[in-house]
Amino acid sequence: SVSVFVTQRAFVRFCAHAGSNLDNEVGGWLVGRWRADRDSGDQYIVIEAILPARYTLFGSTFLTFTKDSQVWLYNQLQERFPTKDLLGWYHTHPRMGIFLSQYDTWLHQNFFPEAHHVALVIEPHSAMGGFFIRDHDGELDAHRYFGFYELINHRQRSVVHWQNIYPAVEQLTEPETGEKNL
């Protein structure tokens, strides 16, 4: 399996895209870097950017990446992010919850086959989301999602606002200043 790290900029962008149409599904690709630890072999991805899909067919319960969507996304990946990796895809489930449908699972298995490819589902109405990650055997559980690590420097505050994701490290308040620090 793979650990997921997300930059604050990427988080804000995929949440903004998720909120751009609250009645219909929207989606796109996740872009960044895939790496493995030399000693342990543990894999991780760092999501740095998104590519919102154009030319899709969509409705309240479906999103279809057309041939034109795929070509446009691939061209954008090559032009804007030539040194980055395709890490997976994301889409919304307005008022439906966080899961992968049969079609979502089929799409992920056939178009995002690498062990490090992830699927992100965002439920914009309830401000929830989760990553679907293959296990060590390559299997994908359509109802088991995972959180992520937010990349944040010591001067920034968390931007994660999802109701189902909680910080692993609570912010501590400095008694003399009242300021919060990690």
N, C-alpha and C. Protein backbone atom coordinates (compact mmCIF):
# COMPACT_ATOMS: atom_id res chain seq x y z
N SER A 1 0.85 -1.19 0.00
CA SER A 1 0.00 0.00 0.00
C SER A 1 0.89 1.24 0.00
N VAL A 2 0.27 2.36 -0.13
CA VAL A 2 0.97 3.62 -0.29
C VAL A 2 0.43 4.63 0.72
N SER A 3 1.31 5.48 1.24
CA SER A 3 0.88 6.59 2.10
C SER A 3 0.63 7.81 1.22
N VAL A 4 -0.33 8.61 1.62
CA VAL A 4 -0.72 9.78 0.82
C VAL A 4 -0.40 11.05 1.59
N PHE A 5 0.34 11.94 0.94
CA PHE A 5 0.63 13.27 1.45
C PHE A 5 -0.02 14.27 0.49
N VAL A 6 -0.60 15.34 1.01
CA VAL A 6 -1.29 16.34 0.18
C VAL A 6 -0.79 17.73 0.58
N THR A 7 -0.39 18.52 -0.41
CA THR A 7 -0.03 19.91 -0.12
C THR A 7 -1.31 20.68 0.18
N GLN A 8 -1.16 21.76 0.91
CA GLN A 8 -2.33 22.58 1.22
C GLN A 8 -2.94 23.16 -0.05
N ARG A 9 -2.10 23.56 -0.97
CA ARG A 9 -2.60 24.12 -2.23
C ARG A 9 -3.45 23.11 -3.00
N ALA A 10 -2.99 21.87 -3.07
CA ALA A 10 -3.76 20.83 -3.77
C ALA A 10 -5.08 20.57 -3.05
N PHE A 11 -5.05 20.51 -1.70
CA PHE A 11 -6.27 20.29 -0.94
C PHE A 11 -7.30 21.38 -1.24
N VAL A 12 -6.87 22.62 -1.18
CA VAL A 12 -7.78 23.74 -1.43
C VAL A 12 -8.35 23.65 -2.85
N ARG A 13 -7.52 23.29 -3.79
CA ARG A 13 -7.98 23.23 -5.18
C ARG A 13 -8.97 22.11 -5.44
N PHE A 14 -8.70 20.90 -4.92
CA PHE A 14 -9.69 19.87 -5.21
C PHE A 14 -10.97 20.08 -4.43
N CYS A 15 -10.90 20.73 -3.27
CA CYS A 15 -12.13 21.07 -2.56
C CYS A 15 -12.92 22.15 -3.30
N ALA A 16 -12.22 23.14 -3.85
CA ALA A 16 -12.89 24.19 -4.63
C ALA A 16 -13.57 23.59 -5.85
N HIS A 17 -12.88 22.68 -6.54
CA HIS A 17 -13.50 22.05 -7.71
C HIS A 17 -14.70 21.21 -7.28
N ALA A 18 -14.58 20.50 -6.16
CA ALA A 18 -15.70 19.69 -5.66
C ALA A 18 -16.92 20.57 -5.36
N GLY A 19 -16.69 21.78 -4.89
CA GLY A 19 -17.80 22.68 -4.57
C GLY A 19 -18.31 23.48 -5.74
N SER A 20 -17.73 23.30 -6.91
CA SER A 20 -18.13 24.09 -8.09
C SER A 20 -19.45 23.63 -8.69
N ASN A 21 -19.87 22.42 -8.39
CA ASN A 21 -21.16 21.93 -8.87
C ASN A 21 -21.69 20.97 -7.81
N LEU A 22 -22.58 21.46 -6.98
CA LEU A 22 -23.07 20.67 -5.86
C LEU A 22 -24.20 19.72 -6.24
N ASP A 23 -24.67 19.81 -7.48
CA ASP A 23 -25.75 18.94 -7.93
C ASP A 23 -25.27 17.77 -8.78
N ASN A 24 -24.10 17.91 -9.39
CA ASN A 24 -23.58 16.89 -10.30
C ASN A 24 -22.15 16.52 -9.94
N GLU A 25 -21.77 15.33 -10.35
CA GLU A 25 -20.40 14.88 -10.09
C GLU A 25 -19.41 15.64 -10.97
N VAL A 26 -18.26 15.96 -10.39
CA VAL A 26 -17.13 16.55 -11.11
C VAL A 26 -15.89 15.75 -10.72
N GLY A 27 -14.83 15.89 -11.50
CA GLY A 27 -13.61 15.15 -11.17
C GLY A 27 -12.43 15.55 -12.02
N GLY A 28 -11.35 14.83 -11.85
CA GLY A 28 -10.13 15.10 -12.60
C GLY A 28 -9.01 14.20 -12.14
N TRP A 29 -7.79 14.61 -12.44
CA TRP A 29 -6.60 13.83 -12.12
C TRP A 29 -5.82 14.45 -10.97
N LEU A 30 -5.10 13.61 -10.25
CA LEU A 30 -4.21 14.01 -9.17
C LEU A 30 -2.77 13.93 -9.67
N VAL A 31 -1.99 14.97 -9.43
CA VAL A 31 -0.64 15.08 -9.98
C VAL A 31 0.36 15.38 -8.87
N GLY A 32 1.54 14.81 -8.98
CA GLY A 32 2.58 15.09 -7.99
C GLY A 32 3.76 14.16 -8.17
N ARG A 33 4.20 13.58 -7.05
CA ARG A 33 5.39 12.72 -7.08
C ARG A 33 5.10 11.40 -6.37
N TRP A 34 5.62 10.33 -6.96
CA TRP A 34 5.56 9.00 -6.37
C TRP A 34 6.97 8.61 -6.01
N ARG A 35 7.16 8.14 -4.78
CA ARG A 35 8.50 7.78 -4.30
C ARG A 35 8.42 6.52 -3.44
N ALA A 36 9.58 5.90 -3.29
CA ALA A 36 9.72 4.75 -2.40
C ALA A 36 10.95 4.96 -1.53
N ASP A 37 10.84 4.60 -0.27
CA ASP A 37 11.96 4.69 0.65
C ASP A 37 13.00 3.64 0.26
N ARG A 38 14.24 4.05 0.12
CA ARG A 38 15.30 3.13 -0.33
C ARG A 38 15.54 1.99 0.64
N ASP A 39 15.43 2.25 1.93
CA ASP A 39 15.72 1.21 2.91
C ASP A 39 14.54 0.28 3.15
N SER A 40 13.37 0.85 3.38
CA SER A 40 12.21 0.03 3.74
C SER A 40 11.39 -0.41 2.53
N GLY A 41 11.48 0.33 1.44
CA GLY A 41 10.65 0.03 0.28
C GLY A 41 9.25 0.60 0.39
N ASP A 42 8.94 1.27 1.52
CA ASP A 42 7.61 1.87 1.69
C ASP A 42 7.38 2.92 0.61
N GLN A 43 6.19 2.87 0.01
CA GLN A 43 5.85 3.81 -1.05
C GLN A 43 4.99 4.94 -0.50
N TYR A 44 5.17 6.10 -1.10
CA TYR A 44 4.30 7.23 -0.75
C TYR A 44 4.13 8.13 -1.97
N ILE A 45 3.05 8.88 -1.95
CA ILE A 45 2.80 9.86 -3.00
C ILE A 45 2.62 11.22 -2.35
N VAL A 46 2.98 12.25 -3.09
CA VAL A 46 2.78 13.63 -2.66
C VAL A 46 1.93 14.30 -3.73
N ILE A 47 0.69 14.59 -3.39
CA ILE A 47 -0.23 15.24 -4.33
C ILE A 47 0.03 16.74 -4.25
N GLU A 48 0.48 17.31 -5.38
CA GLU A 48 0.86 18.71 -5.43
C GLU A 48 -0.09 19.56 -6.27
N ALA A 49 -0.85 18.93 -7.15
CA ALA A 49 -1.72 19.69 -8.06
C ALA A 49 -2.86 18.80 -8.53
N ILE A 50 -3.84 19.43 -9.13
CA ILE A 50 -4.95 18.70 -9.74
C ILE A 50 -5.14 19.20 -11.17
N LEU A 51 -5.76 18.36 -11.95
CA LEU A 51 -6.18 18.74 -13.30
C LEU A 51 -7.68 18.47 -13.39
N PRO A 52 -8.52 19.50 -13.21
CA PRO A 52 -9.97 19.30 -13.36
C PRO A 52 -10.30 18.88 -14.79
N ALA A 53 -11.10 17.85 -14.93
CA ALA A 53 -11.42 17.31 -16.24
C ALA A 53 -12.40 18.22 -17.00
N ARG A 54 -12.15 18.34 -18.26
CA ARG A 54 -13.08 19.00 -19.19
C ARG A 54 -13.68 17.93 -20.08
N TYR A 55 -14.72 18.30 -20.80
CA TYR A 55 -15.35 17.44 -21.81
C TYR A 55 -15.90 16.15 -21.21
N THR A 56 -16.39 16.21 -19.99
CA THR A 56 -16.96 15.03 -19.35
C THR A 56 -18.46 14.97 -19.61
N LEU A 57 -19.01 13.79 -19.42
CA LEU A 57 -20.46 13.60 -19.35
C LEU A 57 -20.74 13.43 -17.86
N PHE A 58 -21.75 14.11 -17.35
CA PHE A 58 -21.98 14.06 -15.92
C PHE A 58 -23.45 14.23 -15.59
N GLY A 59 -23.78 13.80 -14.40
CA GLY A 59 -25.11 13.95 -13.84
C GLY A 59 -25.01 13.87 -12.33
N SER A 60 -26.14 13.75 -11.66
CA SER A 60 -26.13 13.73 -10.20
C SER A 60 -25.52 12.46 -9.63
N THR A 61 -25.47 11.39 -10.43
CA THR A 61 -24.94 10.13 -9.92
C THR A 61 -23.88 9.50 -10.83
N PHE A 62 -23.33 10.28 -11.75
CA PHE A 62 -22.29 9.70 -12.61
C PHE A 62 -21.37 10.77 -13.16
N LEU A 63 -20.17 10.33 -13.51
CA LEU A 63 -19.17 11.15 -14.19
C LEU A 63 -18.46 10.24 -15.17
N THR A 64 -18.41 10.66 -16.42
CA THR A 64 -17.73 9.87 -17.45
C THR A 64 -16.63 10.72 -18.08
N PHE A 65 -15.42 10.21 -18.00
CA PHE A 65 -14.30 10.83 -18.71
C PHE A 65 -14.38 10.35 -20.15
N THR A 66 -14.68 11.26 -21.06
CA THR A 66 -14.76 10.89 -22.47
C THR A 66 -13.36 10.78 -23.07
N LYS A 67 -13.31 10.32 -24.31
CA LYS A 67 -12.02 10.28 -25.01
C LYS A 67 -11.40 11.67 -25.05
N ASP A 68 -12.21 12.69 -25.34
CA ASP A 68 -11.71 14.07 -25.36
C ASP A 68 -11.20 14.50 -23.99
N SER A 69 -11.86 14.05 -22.91
CA SER A 69 -11.39 14.34 -21.54
C SER A 69 -10.01 13.77 -21.33
N GLN A 70 -9.84 12.51 -21.69
CA GLN A 70 -8.56 11.83 -21.47
C GLN A 70 -7.44 12.48 -22.27
N VAL A 71 -7.71 12.82 -23.53
CA VAL A 71 -6.69 13.46 -24.36
C VAL A 71 -6.33 14.82 -23.78
N TRP A 72 -7.32 15.61 -23.40
CA TRP A 72 -7.06 16.93 -22.83
C TRP A 72 -6.26 16.81 -21.54
N LEU A 73 -6.66 15.90 -20.64
CA LEU A 73 -5.95 15.71 -19.38
C LEU A 73 -4.50 15.28 -19.62
N TYR A 74 -4.30 14.34 -20.53
CA TYR A 74 -2.94 13.88 -20.82
C TYR A 74 -2.09 15.02 -21.36
N ASN A 75 -2.65 15.80 -22.29
CA ASN A 75 -1.90 16.94 -22.85
C ASN A 75 -1.57 17.97 -21.78
N GLN A 76 -2.50 18.23 -20.87
CA GLN A 76 -2.25 19.16 -19.77
C GLN A 76 -1.15 18.64 -18.85
N LEU A 77 -1.18 17.36 -18.58
CA LEU A 77 -0.15 16.74 -17.74
C LEU A 77 1.22 16.93 -18.38
N GLN A 78 1.32 16.68 -19.69
CA GLN A 78 2.60 16.81 -20.39
C GLN A 78 3.07 18.25 -20.50
N GLU A 79 2.15 19.18 -20.74
CA GLU A 79 2.52 20.60 -20.92
C GLU A 79 2.79 21.31 -19.60
N ARG A 80 1.93 21.12 -18.62
CA ARG A 80 2.03 21.89 -17.37
C ARG A 80 2.89 21.20 -16.30
N PHE A 81 2.94 19.89 -16.34
CA PHE A 81 3.64 19.14 -15.29
C PHE A 81 4.53 18.05 -15.87
N PRO A 82 5.46 18.40 -16.76
CA PRO A 82 6.25 17.36 -17.43
C PRO A 82 7.15 16.55 -16.50
N THR A 83 7.46 17.07 -15.34
CA THR A 83 8.34 16.33 -14.42
C THR A 83 7.55 15.66 -13.29
N LYS A 84 6.24 15.73 -13.33
CA LYS A 84 5.40 15.16 -12.28
C LYS A 84 4.80 13.83 -12.74
N ASP A 85 4.25 13.11 -11.79
CA ASP A 85 3.63 11.81 -12.04
C ASP A 85 2.11 11.92 -11.95
N LEU A 86 1.43 11.10 -12.72
CA LEU A 86 -0.01 10.92 -12.57
C LEU A 86 -0.19 9.99 -11.38
N LEU A 87 -0.91 10.46 -10.36
CA LEU A 87 -1.03 9.70 -9.11
C LEU A 87 -2.40 9.05 -8.93
N GLY A 88 -3.34 9.43 -9.77
CA GLY A 88 -4.68 8.87 -9.64
C GLY A 88 -5.72 9.88 -10.09
N TRP A 89 -6.89 9.75 -9.54
CA TRP A 89 -8.01 10.59 -9.97
C TRP A 89 -8.90 10.90 -8.77
N TYR A 90 -9.77 11.88 -8.97
CA TYR A 90 -10.72 12.25 -7.93
C TYR A 90 -12.06 12.54 -8.57
N HIS A 91 -13.10 12.40 -7.78
CA HIS A 91 -14.43 12.80 -8.22
C HIS A 91 -15.33 12.97 -7.00
N THR A 92 -16.47 13.57 -7.22
CA THR A 92 -17.40 13.85 -6.13
C THR A 92 -18.57 12.88 -6.14
N HIS A 93 -19.19 12.75 -4.98
CA HIS A 93 -20.43 12.01 -4.80
C HIS A 93 -21.39 12.91 -4.04
N PRO A 94 -22.01 13.89 -4.71
CA PRO A 94 -22.90 14.80 -4.00
C PRO A 94 -24.07 14.08 -3.32
N ARG A 95 -24.15 14.22 -2.02
CA ARG A 95 -25.21 13.66 -1.18
C ARG A 95 -25.26 12.12 -1.22
N MET A 96 -24.14 11.48 -1.56
CA MET A 96 -24.15 10.01 -1.66
C MET A 96 -23.21 9.30 -0.70
N GLY A 97 -22.25 9.99 -0.14
CA GLY A 97 -21.29 9.33 0.75
C GLY A 97 -19.97 9.04 0.06
N ILE A 98 -19.10 8.38 0.81
CA ILE A 98 -17.75 8.11 0.33
C ILE A 98 -17.61 6.61 0.08
N PHE A 99 -17.59 6.24 -1.18
CA PHE A 99 -17.44 4.86 -1.60
C PHE A 99 -17.07 4.88 -3.08
N LEU A 100 -16.68 3.74 -3.60
CA LEU A 100 -16.47 3.59 -5.04
C LEU A 100 -17.59 2.71 -5.58
N SER A 101 -18.29 3.21 -6.58
CA SER A 101 -19.32 2.42 -7.23
C SER A 101 -18.65 1.30 -8.04
N GLN A 102 -19.45 0.42 -8.58
CA GLN A 102 -18.91 -0.63 -9.45
C GLN A 102 -18.19 -0.01 -10.64
N TYR A 103 -18.78 1.02 -11.22
CA TYR A 103 -18.15 1.69 -12.36
C TYR A 103 -16.86 2.39 -11.94
N ASP A 104 -16.87 3.05 -10.78
CA ASP A 104 -15.66 3.71 -10.27
C ASP A 104 -14.53 2.69 -10.10
N THR A 105 -14.86 1.54 -9.52
CA THR A 105 -13.87 0.49 -9.30
C THR A 105 -13.33 -0.02 -10.64
N TRP A 106 -14.21 -0.24 -11.59
CA TRP A 106 -13.79 -0.69 -12.92
C TRP A 106 -12.86 0.35 -13.57
N LEU A 107 -13.25 1.61 -13.49
CA LEU A 107 -12.44 2.68 -14.07
C LEU A 107 -11.06 2.72 -13.42
N HIS A 108 -11.03 2.62 -12.09
CA HIS A 108 -9.76 2.67 -11.38
C HIS A 108 -8.87 1.49 -11.77
N GLN A 109 -9.43 0.30 -11.81
CA GLN A 109 -8.64 -0.89 -12.14
C GLN A 109 -8.11 -0.83 -13.57
N ASN A 110 -8.87 -0.26 -14.50
CA ASN A 110 -8.49 -0.29 -15.91
C ASN A 110 -7.69 0.92 -16.38
N PHE A 111 -7.89 2.08 -15.77
CA PHE A 111 -7.21 3.29 -16.22
C PHE A 111 -6.15 3.79 -15.24
N PHE A 112 -6.18 3.28 -14.02
CA PHE A 112 -5.21 3.67 -13.00
C PHE A 112 -4.68 2.38 -12.34
N PRO A 113 -3.96 1.57 -13.10
CA PRO A 113 -3.61 0.22 -12.65
C PRO A 113 -2.38 0.10 -11.73
N GLU A 114 -1.61 1.16 -11.61
CA GLU A 114 -0.37 1.07 -10.83
C GLU A 114 -0.66 1.00 -9.33
N ALA A 115 0.22 0.36 -8.60
CA ALA A 115 0.04 0.20 -7.15
C ALA A 115 -0.05 1.54 -6.43
N HIS A 116 0.61 2.57 -6.98
CA HIS A 116 0.60 3.88 -6.32
C HIS A 116 -0.56 4.77 -6.76
N HIS A 117 -1.38 4.32 -7.69
CA HIS A 117 -2.53 5.11 -8.12
C HIS A 117 -3.63 5.04 -7.06
N VAL A 118 -4.17 6.19 -6.72
CA VAL A 118 -5.24 6.29 -5.73
C VAL A 118 -6.48 6.91 -6.34
N ALA A 119 -7.60 6.69 -5.69
CA ALA A 119 -8.87 7.32 -6.08
C ALA A 119 -9.35 8.13 -4.88
N LEU A 120 -9.70 9.36 -5.11
CA LEU A 120 -10.22 10.23 -4.06
C LEU A 120 -11.69 10.50 -4.34
N VAL A 121 -12.53 10.30 -3.32
CA VAL A 121 -13.95 10.63 -3.42
C VAL A 121 -14.23 11.72 -2.40
N ILE A 122 -14.90 12.77 -2.86
CA ILE A 122 -15.26 13.91 -2.01
C ILE A 122 -16.77 14.03 -1.98
N GLU A 123 -17.34 14.16 -0.79
CA GLU A 123 -18.77 14.43 -0.61
C GLU A 123 -18.87 15.89 -0.20
N PRO A 124 -19.13 16.79 -1.16
CA PRO A 124 -19.04 18.22 -0.85
C PRO A 124 -20.12 18.77 0.09
N HIS A 125 -21.28 18.15 0.14
CA HIS A 125 -22.35 18.67 0.99
C HIS A 125 -22.05 18.47 2.47
N SER A 126 -21.44 17.35 2.81
CA SER A 126 -21.14 17.08 4.22
C SER A 126 -19.68 17.35 4.55
N ALA A 127 -18.91 17.90 3.60
CA ALA A 127 -17.50 18.21 3.79
C ALA A 127 -16.73 16.99 4.30
N MET A 128 -16.78 15.93 3.48
CA MET A 128 -16.07 14.70 3.81
C MET A 128 -15.33 14.21 2.57
N GLY A 129 -14.31 13.41 2.80
CA GLY A 129 -13.58 12.83 1.69
C GLY A 129 -12.69 11.71 2.16
N GLY A 130 -12.20 10.92 1.20
CA GLY A 130 -11.32 9.83 1.53
C GLY A 130 -10.63 9.25 0.31
N PHE A 131 -9.46 8.68 0.55
CA PHE A 131 -8.66 8.07 -0.51
C PHE A 131 -8.84 6.56 -0.50
N PHE A 132 -8.98 6.00 -1.69
CA PHE A 132 -9.06 4.56 -1.85
C PHE A 132 -7.70 4.10 -2.37
N ILE A 133 -7.12 3.16 -1.63
CA ILE A 133 -5.75 2.72 -1.86
C ILE A 133 -5.74 1.20 -1.95
N ARG A 134 -5.02 0.67 -2.91
CA ARG A 134 -4.88 -0.78 -3.01
C ARG A 134 -4.09 -1.31 -1.80
N ASP A 135 -4.45 -2.52 -1.40
CA ASP A 135 -3.68 -3.15 -0.31
C ASP A 135 -2.43 -3.80 -0.89
N HIS A 136 -1.67 -4.49 -0.06
CA HIS A 136 -0.41 -5.08 -0.49
C HIS A 136 -0.59 -6.12 -1.59
N ASP A 137 -1.78 -6.73 -1.67
CA ASP A 137 -2.07 -7.73 -2.70
C ASP A 137 -2.64 -7.10 -3.98
N GLY A 138 -2.78 -5.77 -4.00
CA GLY A 138 -3.33 -5.09 -5.17
C GLY A 138 -4.83 -4.99 -5.18
N GLU A 139 -5.48 -5.46 -4.12
CA GLU A 139 -6.94 -5.41 -4.04
C GLU A 139 -7.40 -4.03 -3.60
N LEU A 140 -8.59 -3.66 -4.04
CA LEU A 140 -9.18 -2.36 -3.73
C LEU A 140 -10.53 -2.59 -3.07
N ASP A 141 -10.68 -2.14 -1.83
CA ASP A 141 -11.94 -2.25 -1.11
C ASP A 141 -12.75 -0.99 -1.41
N ALA A 142 -13.88 -1.14 -2.07
CA ALA A 142 -14.69 -0.01 -2.53
C ALA A 142 -15.40 0.72 -1.39
N HIS A 143 -15.32 0.20 -0.18
CA HIS A 143 -16.00 0.84 0.96
C HIS A 143 -15.04 1.21 2.08
N ARG A 144 -13.74 1.04 1.84
CA ARG A 144 -12.76 1.37 2.88
C ARG A 144 -11.85 2.48 2.36
N TYR A 145 -12.01 3.65 2.94
CA TYR A 145 -11.18 4.77 2.51
C TYR A 145 -10.20 5.14 3.62
N PHE A 146 -9.20 5.93 3.22
CA PHE A 146 -8.13 6.32 4.12
C PHE A 146 -7.99 7.84 4.14
N GLY A 147 -7.40 8.34 5.21
CA GLY A 147 -7.06 9.75 5.31
C GLY A 147 -5.72 10.01 4.65
N PHE A 148 -5.13 11.13 5.01
CA PHE A 148 -3.88 11.53 4.38
C PHE A 148 -3.09 12.39 5.35
N TYR A 149 -1.85 12.67 4.96
CA TYR A 149 -0.99 13.56 5.73
C TYR A 149 -0.99 14.93 5.03
N GLU A 150 -1.33 15.96 5.77
CA GLU A 150 -1.30 17.32 5.24
C GLU A 150 0.13 17.86 5.35
N LEU A 151 0.66 18.34 4.25
CA LEU A 151 1.98 18.96 4.27
C LEU A 151 1.83 20.41 4.69
N ILE A 152 2.41 20.73 5.82
CA ILE A 152 2.23 22.05 6.41
C ILE A 152 3.56 22.47 7.03
N ASN A 153 3.91 23.74 6.86
CA ASN A 153 5.14 24.17 7.54
C ASN A 153 4.77 24.76 8.90
N HIS A 154 5.77 25.03 9.69
CA HIS A 154 5.53 25.45 11.08
C HIS A 154 4.81 26.79 11.21
N ARG A 155 4.74 27.57 10.16
CA ARG A 155 4.08 28.89 10.25
C ARG A 155 2.63 28.86 9.76
N GLN A 156 2.22 27.77 9.21
CA GLN A 156 0.88 27.68 8.64
C GLN A 156 -0.07 26.95 9.58
N ARG A 157 -1.34 27.16 9.36
CA ARG A 157 -2.40 26.44 10.06
C ARG A 157 -2.98 25.41 9.10
N SER A 158 -3.58 24.40 9.63
CA SER A 158 -4.21 23.38 8.81
C SER A 158 -5.36 24.00 8.00
N VAL A 159 -5.52 23.52 6.78
CA VAL A 159 -6.63 23.96 5.94
C VAL A 159 -7.68 22.85 5.79
N VAL A 160 -7.40 21.69 6.37
CA VAL A 160 -8.30 20.55 6.23
C VAL A 160 -9.55 20.81 7.07
N HIS A 161 -10.71 20.74 6.41
CA HIS A 161 -11.97 21.03 7.08
C HIS A 161 -12.96 19.88 6.98
N TRP A 162 -12.54 18.75 6.46
CA TRP A 162 -13.45 17.61 6.31
C TRP A 162 -13.90 17.11 7.67
N GLN A 163 -15.16 16.81 7.77
CA GLN A 163 -15.76 16.39 9.04
C GLN A 163 -15.32 14.99 9.47
N ASN A 164 -14.84 14.17 8.56
CA ASN A 164 -14.44 12.80 8.89
C ASN A 164 -12.93 12.64 9.04
N ILE A 165 -12.18 13.71 8.92
CA ILE A 165 -10.72 13.66 9.04
C ILE A 165 -10.32 14.52 10.24
N TYR A 166 -9.56 13.93 11.15
CA TYR A 166 -9.12 14.63 12.34
C TYR A 166 -7.60 14.70 12.37
N PRO A 167 -7.03 15.74 12.97
CA PRO A 167 -5.57 15.83 13.01
C PRO A 167 -4.96 14.72 13.87
N ALA A 168 -3.87 14.16 13.39
CA ALA A 168 -3.16 13.14 14.17
C ALA A 168 -2.42 13.78 15.33
N VAL A 169 -2.01 15.02 15.14
CA VAL A 169 -1.32 15.77 16.19
C VAL A 169 -2.17 17.00 16.48
N GLU A 170 -2.66 17.08 17.70
CA GLU A 170 -3.47 18.23 18.07
C GLU A 170 -2.60 19.47 18.20
N GLN A 171 -3.19 20.62 17.91
CA GLN A 171 -2.46 21.87 18.09
C GLN A 171 -2.40 22.20 19.57
N LEU A 172 -1.26 22.65 20.01
CA LEU A 172 -1.07 23.00 21.41
C LEU A 172 -1.07 24.52 21.56
N THR A 173 -1.70 25.03 22.60
CA THR A 173 -1.77 26.47 22.83
C THR A 173 -0.63 26.90 23.73
N GLU A 174 0.08 27.94 23.29
CA GLU A 174 1.14 28.53 24.11
C GLU A 174 0.48 29.33 25.23
N PRO A 175 0.74 29.03 26.50
CA PRO A 175 0.05 29.69 27.61
C PRO A 175 0.25 31.19 27.65
N GLU A 176 1.46 31.67 27.38
CA GLU A 176 1.71 33.10 27.53
C GLU A 176 1.19 33.93 26.37
N THR A 177 1.06 33.35 25.18
CA THR A 177 0.61 34.15 24.02
C THR A 177 -0.79 33.77 23.58
N GLY A 178 -1.24 32.58 23.91
CA GLY A 178 -2.53 32.14 23.44
C GLY A 178 -2.50 31.66 22.00
N GLU A 179 -1.30 31.69 21.38
CA GLU A 179 -1.19 31.23 19.98
C GLU A 179 -1.10 29.73 19.93
N LYS A 180 -1.61 29.16 18.86
CA LYS A 180 -1.56 27.71 18.68
C LYS A 180 -0.34 27.34 17.85
N ASN A 181 0.32 26.30 18.27
CA ASN A 181 1.47 25.76 17.54
C ASN A 181 1.31 24.25 17.44
N LEU A 182 1.95 23.66 16.42
CA LEU A 182 1.96 22.20 16.32
C LEU A 182 3.02 21.64 17.22
